[in-house]
Amino acid sequence: MVWFREACVRCSLLRPDPAQRARLVDIRDNLIARIAEAQREGWLGEVEGLRVSLAGAEDKLAQVDAAIQQHARTTNLGMPTFTKLAGGTTTELGQSRGGQQ
């Protein structure tokens, strides 16, 4: 299991696991609180960096939500067994090719 860090949410190549959604929500909420603190303290450079991370976290959450919705729309068709695919045994298949085995 991979845990997300604040720096991970900035990476555009990282595709988050839907199982990590709660962790991403925690990161987003923490970033919002840190932005409010930085604004109160007048740390303008810090505010800007945190906003970039917040935008990344919100983007990752949107990706996770889209993946969850896509998974909910898929239909499981089942996995056919080999005998259903082949239509018989390998000996029967060899004979249907002119007796070659």
C-alpha atoms as a PDB file:
ATOM      1  CA  MET A   1       0.000   0.000   0.000  1.00  0.00           C
ATOM      2  CA  VAL A   2       1.347   3.413  -0.947  1.00  0.00           C
ATOM      3  CA  TRP A   3       0.641   6.365   1.305  1.00  0.00           C
ATOM      4  CA  PHE A   4       0.276   9.785  -0.238  1.00  0.00           C
ATOM      5  CA  ARG A   5       2.266  12.763   0.906  1.00  0.00           C
ATOM      6  CA  GLU A   6       1.689  16.398   0.084  1.00  0.00           C
ATOM      7  CA  ALA A   7       4.475  16.298  -2.511  1.00  0.00           C
ATOM      8  CA  CYS A   8       2.805  13.343  -4.256  1.00  0.00           C
ATOM      9  CA  VAL A   9      -0.349  15.295  -5.032  1.00  0.00           C
ATOM     10  CA  ARG A  10       1.689  17.694  -7.170  1.00  0.00           C
ATOM     11  CA  CYS A  11       2.961  14.924  -9.463  1.00  0.00           C
ATOM     12  CA  SER A  12       0.904  14.794 -12.654  1.00  0.00           C
ATOM     13  CA  LEU A  13       2.184  11.285 -13.456  1.00  0.00           C
ATOM     14  CA  LEU A  14       0.907   9.730 -10.241  1.00  0.00           C
ATOM     15  CA  ARG A  15      -2.389   7.874 -10.622  1.00  0.00           C
ATOM     16  CA  PRO A  16      -3.945   7.496  -7.185  1.00  0.00           C
ATOM     17  CA  ASP A  17      -5.465   4.251  -5.967  1.00  0.00           C
ATOM     18  CA  PRO A  18      -9.186   4.670  -5.161  1.00  0.00           C
ATOM     19  CA  ALA A  19      -8.523   2.904  -1.856  1.00  0.00           C
ATOM     20  CA  GLN A  20      -6.447   5.958  -0.851  1.00  0.00           C
ATOM     21  CA  ARG A  21      -9.361   8.414  -1.216  1.00  0.00           C
ATOM     22  CA  ALA A  22      -9.702   8.963   2.546  1.00  0.00           C
ATOM     23  CA  ARG A  23      -5.988   9.800   2.786  1.00  0.00           C
ATOM     24  CA  LEU A  24      -6.339  12.325  -0.043  1.00  0.00           C
ATOM     25  CA  VAL A  25      -9.282  13.940   1.754  1.00  0.00           C
ATOM     26  CA  ASP A  26      -7.143  14.225   4.897  1.00  0.00           C
ATOM     27  CA  ILE A  27      -4.339  15.849   2.906  1.00  0.00           C
ATOM     28  CA  ARG A  28      -6.765  18.275   1.257  1.00  0.00           C
ATOM     29  CA  ASP A  29      -8.322  19.247   4.598  1.00  0.00           C
ATOM     30  CA  ASN A  30      -4.879  19.732   6.145  1.00  0.00           C
ATOM     31  CA  LEU A  31      -3.813  21.953   3.240  1.00  0.00           C
ATOM     32  CA  ILE A  32      -6.927  24.118   3.665  1.00  0.00           C
ATOM     33  CA  ALA A  33      -6.128  24.560   7.374  1.00  0.00           C
ATOM     34  CA  ARG A  34      -2.480  25.377   6.611  1.00  0.00           C
ATOM     35  CA  ILE A  35      -3.491  27.954   4.000  1.00  0.00           C
ATOM     36  CA  ALA A  36      -5.731  29.674   6.557  1.00  0.00           C
ATOM     37  CA  GLU A  37      -2.882  29.701   9.091  1.00  0.00           C
ATOM     38  CA  ALA A  38      -0.397  31.063   6.538  1.00  0.00           C
ATOM     39  CA  GLN A  39      -2.836  33.821   5.570  1.00  0.00           C
ATOM     40  CA  ARG A  40      -3.322  34.796   9.224  1.00  0.00           C
ATOM     41  CA  GLU A  41       0.445  34.934   9.718  1.00  0.00           C
ATOM     42  CA  GLY A  42       1.057  36.845   6.489  1.00  0.00           C
ATOM     43  CA  TRP A  43       3.241  34.146   4.920  1.00  0.00           C
ATOM     44  CA  LEU A  44       2.326  34.971   1.331  1.00  0.00           C
ATOM     45  CA  GLY A  45       4.948  32.725  -0.290  1.00  0.00           C
ATOM     46  CA  GLU A  46       3.800  29.809   1.810  1.00  0.00           C
ATOM     47  CA  VAL A  47       0.171  30.493   0.853  1.00  0.00           C
ATOM     48  CA  GLU A  48       1.003  30.260  -2.844  1.00  0.00           C
ATOM     49  CA  GLY A  49       2.898  26.970  -2.481  1.00  0.00           C
ATOM     50  CA  LEU A  50       0.107  25.460  -0.413  1.00  0.00           C
ATOM     51  CA  ARG A  51      -2.462  26.520  -3.013  1.00  0.00           C
ATOM     52  CA  VAL A  52      -0.504  24.655  -5.688  1.00  0.00           C
ATOM     53  CA  SER A  53      -0.557  21.548  -3.502  1.00  0.00           C
ATOM     54  CA  LEU A  54      -4.268  22.024  -2.785  1.00  0.00           C
ATOM     55  CA  ALA A  55      -5.032  22.211  -6.506  1.00  0.00           C
ATOM     56  CA  GLY A  56      -3.090  18.969  -6.980  1.00  0.00           C
ATOM     57  CA  ALA A  57      -4.957  17.252  -4.144  1.00  0.00           C
ATOM     58  CA  GLU A  58      -8.310  18.313  -5.567  1.00  0.00           C
ATOM     59  CA  ASP A  59      -7.240  17.046  -8.998  1.00  0.00           C
ATOM     60  CA  LYS A  60      -6.252  13.672  -7.534  1.00  0.00           C
ATOM     61  CA  LEU A  61      -9.592  13.448  -5.718  1.00  0.00           C
ATOM     62  CA  ALA A  62     -11.394  14.140  -9.000  1.00  0.00           C
ATOM     63  CA  GLN A  63      -9.361  11.348 -10.647  1.00  0.00           C
ATOM     64  CA  VAL A  64     -10.255   8.924  -7.859  1.00  0.00           C
ATOM     65  CA  ASP A  65     -13.939   9.841  -8.019  1.00  0.00           C
ATOM     66  CA  ALA A  66     -13.955   9.377 -11.807  1.00  0.00           C
ATOM     67  CA  ALA A  67     -12.289   5.967 -11.438  1.00  0.00           C
ATOM     68  CA  ILE A  68     -14.845   4.919  -8.821  1.00  0.00           C
ATOM     69  CA  GLN A  69     -17.739   6.017 -11.053  1.00  0.00           C
ATOM     70  CA  GLN A  70     -16.217   4.244 -14.068  1.00  0.00           C
ATOM     71  CA  HIS A  71     -15.834   1.037 -12.064  1.00  0.00           C
ATOM     72  CA  ALA A  72     -19.468   1.283 -10.939  1.00  0.00           C
ATOM     73  CA  ARG A  73     -20.609   1.481 -14.583  1.00  0.00           C
ATOM     74  CA  THR A  74     -18.693  -1.586 -15.753  1.00  0.00           C
ATOM     75  CA  THR A  75     -20.403  -4.930 -16.201  1.00  0.00           C
ATOM     76  CA  ASN A  76     -18.748  -8.161 -15.194  1.00  0.00           C
ATOM     77  CA  LEU A  77     -19.228 -10.611 -18.049  1.00  0.00           C
ATOM     78  CA  GLY A  78     -17.524 -13.434 -16.201  1.00  0.00           C
ATOM     79  CA  MET A  79     -14.459 -15.369 -17.220  1.00  0.00           C
ATOM     80  CA  PRO A  80     -15.068 -18.248 -19.641  1.00  0.00           C
ATOM     81  CA  THR A  81     -13.308 -21.510 -18.937  1.00  0.00           C
ATOM     82  CA  PHE A  82     -10.781 -22.943 -21.369  1.00  0.00           C
ATOM     83  CA  THR A  83     -13.069 -25.824 -22.372  1.00  0.00           C
ATOM     84  CA  LYS A  84     -15.795 -23.380 -23.362  1.00  0.00           C
ATOM     85  CA  LEU A  85     -13.311 -21.421 -25.457  1.00  0.00           C
ATOM     86  CA  ALA A  86     -11.701 -24.437 -27.093  1.00  0.00           C
ATOM     87  CA  GLY A  87     -14.912 -26.355 -27.669  1.00  0.00           C
ATOM     88  CA  GLY A  88     -13.392 -29.629 -26.558  1.00  0.00           C
ATOM     89  CA  THR A  89     -10.143 -31.329 -25.716  1.00  0.00           C
ATOM     90  CA  THR A  90      -6.838 -30.825 -27.482  1.00  0.00           C
ATOM     91  CA  THR A  91      -7.145 -34.287 -29.088  1.00  0.00           C
ATOM     92  CA  GLU A  92     -10.468 -33.317 -30.662  1.00  0.00           C
ATOM     93  CA  LEU A  93      -8.925 -30.100 -31.953  1.00  0.00           C
ATOM     94  CA  GLY A  94      -5.973 -31.956 -33.477  1.00  0.00           C
ATOM     95  CA  GLN A  95      -8.257 -34.365 -35.319  1.00  0.00           C
ATOM     96  CA  SER A  96     -10.324 -31.527 -36.749  1.00  0.00           C
ATOM     97  CA  ARG A  97      -7.161 -30.281 -38.490  1.00  0.00           C
ATOM     98  CA  GLY A  98      -6.816 -33.269 -40.703  1.00  0.00           C
ATOM     99  CA  GLY A  99      -5.543 -35.727 -38.126  1.00  0.00           C
ATOM    100  CA  GLN A 100      -2.452 -33.740 -37.125  1.00  0.00           C
ATOM    101  CA  GLN A 101      -1.610 -33.886 -33.469  1.00  0.00           C
END
